[in-house]
Amino acid sequence: CFPESQSSRVKIINYTFQEGFSRLASYMRQPGLPCVCARCQDDTLAYALNRYPPKYGVLHAGNTKLPPYHLDHISQELRLIISHAGAVVGQHPRH
């Protein structure tokens, strides 16, 4: 637990969620997807994130501690996982 004075300067970041959300937006712009509704987007992201381990970091005074090459690696892996997730959700939409 952080002292009251430091809690406003320190923030926990879920890099996997942030990158996944970013990759999802890029993926959804592809032509020919079966559905790009909000429910299918949410299902695609949830499916993908459940198949990739979370990576947390600390944002302190605007700086992160995750080296850029780790973020690039996460981004590339999530791109593949989101593509697979989109195909699965497209074949089995919940609407």
Protein backbone atom coordinates (compact mmCIF):
# COMPACT_ATOMS: atom_id res chain seq x y z
CA CYS A 1 0.00 0.00 0.00
CA PHE A 2 1.33 3.43 -0.91
CA PRO A 3 1.27 6.41 1.44
CA GLU A 4 -1.45 8.93 0.58
CA SER A 5 1.04 11.44 -0.86
CA GLN A 6 2.51 8.93 -3.34
CA SER A 7 -0.70 7.25 -4.49
CA SER A 8 -1.52 10.12 -6.84
CA ARG A 9 1.89 9.87 -8.54
CA VAL A 10 2.04 6.08 -9.05
CA LYS A 11 -0.24 4.14 -11.37
CA ILE A 12 -0.32 0.42 -12.18
CA ILE A 13 -0.54 -0.26 -15.91
CA ASN A 14 -1.76 -3.44 -17.59
CA TYR A 15 0.39 -3.37 -20.73
CA THR A 16 -1.35 -6.41 -22.19
CA PHE A 17 -4.76 -4.73 -22.01
CA GLN A 18 -3.46 -1.44 -23.43
CA GLU A 19 -1.65 -3.11 -26.31
CA GLY A 20 -4.52 -5.51 -26.90
CA PHE A 21 -7.00 -2.65 -27.10
CA SER A 22 -4.70 -0.80 -29.51
CA ARG A 23 -4.19 -3.90 -31.67
CA LEU A 24 -7.93 -4.56 -31.68
CA ALA A 25 -8.63 -1.14 -33.17
CA SER A 26 -6.11 -1.84 -35.92
CA TYR A 27 -7.52 -5.33 -36.54
CA MET A 28 -11.11 -4.09 -36.78
CA ARG A 29 -10.20 -1.75 -39.65
CA GLN A 30 -9.44 -4.73 -41.90
CA PRO A 31 -11.88 -5.23 -44.77
CA GLY A 32 -14.02 -8.34 -44.93
CA LEU A 33 -14.54 -9.01 -41.22
CA PRO A 34 -17.86 -10.74 -40.47
CA CYS A 35 -18.91 -8.20 -37.82
CA VAL A 36 -17.36 -5.19 -36.14
CA CYS A 37 -20.11 -4.40 -33.65
CA ALA A 38 -19.18 -3.47 -30.07
CA ARG A 39 -20.15 -6.91 -28.72
CA CYS A 40 -17.93 -8.73 -31.23
CA GLN A 41 -15.06 -6.34 -30.49
CA ASP A 42 -15.41 -6.96 -26.75
CA ASP A 43 -15.62 -10.71 -27.27
CA THR A 44 -12.55 -10.67 -29.53
CA LEU A 45 -10.50 -8.72 -27.00
CA ALA A 46 -11.66 -10.87 -24.08
CA TYR A 47 -10.89 -14.08 -26.00
CA ALA A 48 -7.42 -12.83 -26.88
CA LEU A 49 -6.54 -11.49 -23.42
CA ASN A 50 -7.60 -14.76 -21.79
CA ARG A 51 -4.95 -16.47 -23.89
CA TYR A 52 -2.05 -14.14 -23.11
CA PRO A 53 -0.47 -13.55 -19.70
CA PRO A 54 -0.92 -10.08 -18.24
CA LYS A 55 2.12 -7.84 -18.00
CA TYR A 56 1.90 -5.13 -15.38
CA GLY A 57 4.11 -2.14 -14.85
CA VAL A 58 4.27 1.06 -12.88
CA LEU A 59 3.81 4.52 -14.30
CA HIS A 60 5.59 6.95 -12.02
CA ALA A 61 5.79 10.65 -12.86
CA GLY A 62 5.02 9.87 -16.52
CA ASN A 63 7.72 7.22 -16.91
CA THR A 64 7.28 3.49 -17.35
CA LYS A 65 9.68 0.72 -16.42
CA LEU A 66 8.93 -1.67 -19.30
CA PRO A 67 11.67 -1.56 -21.96
CA PRO A 68 10.40 -0.75 -25.47
CA TYR A 69 11.52 -4.11 -26.90
CA HIS A 70 9.23 -5.90 -24.41
CA LEU A 71 6.32 -3.76 -25.55
CA ASP A 72 7.13 -4.54 -29.20
CA HIS A 73 7.21 -8.27 -28.39
CA ILE A 74 3.85 -8.08 -26.59
CA SER A 75 2.37 -6.12 -29.48
CA GLN A 76 3.47 -8.64 -32.12
CA GLU A 77 2.20 -11.63 -30.14
CA LEU A 78 -1.13 -9.93 -29.46
CA ARG A 79 -1.51 -9.14 -33.16
CA LEU A 80 -1.46 -12.88 -33.90
CA ILE A 81 -3.71 -13.80 -30.99
CA ILE A 82 -6.26 -11.11 -31.87
CA SER A 83 -6.36 -12.32 -35.47
CA HIS A 84 -7.14 -15.82 -34.23
CA ALA A 85 -9.68 -14.50 -31.71
CA GLY A 86 -11.42 -12.47 -34.41
CA ALA A 87 -11.77 -15.55 -36.59
CA VAL A 88 -13.26 -17.56 -33.72
CA VAL A 89 -15.69 -14.81 -32.72
CA GLY A 90 -16.62 -14.24 -36.37
CA GLN A 91 -17.57 -17.91 -36.71
CA HIS A 92 -19.54 -17.92 -33.44
CA PRO A 93 -20.98 -14.45 -32.79
CA ARG A 94 -23.22 -14.06 -29.74
CA HIS A 95 -25.90 -12.12 -31.60
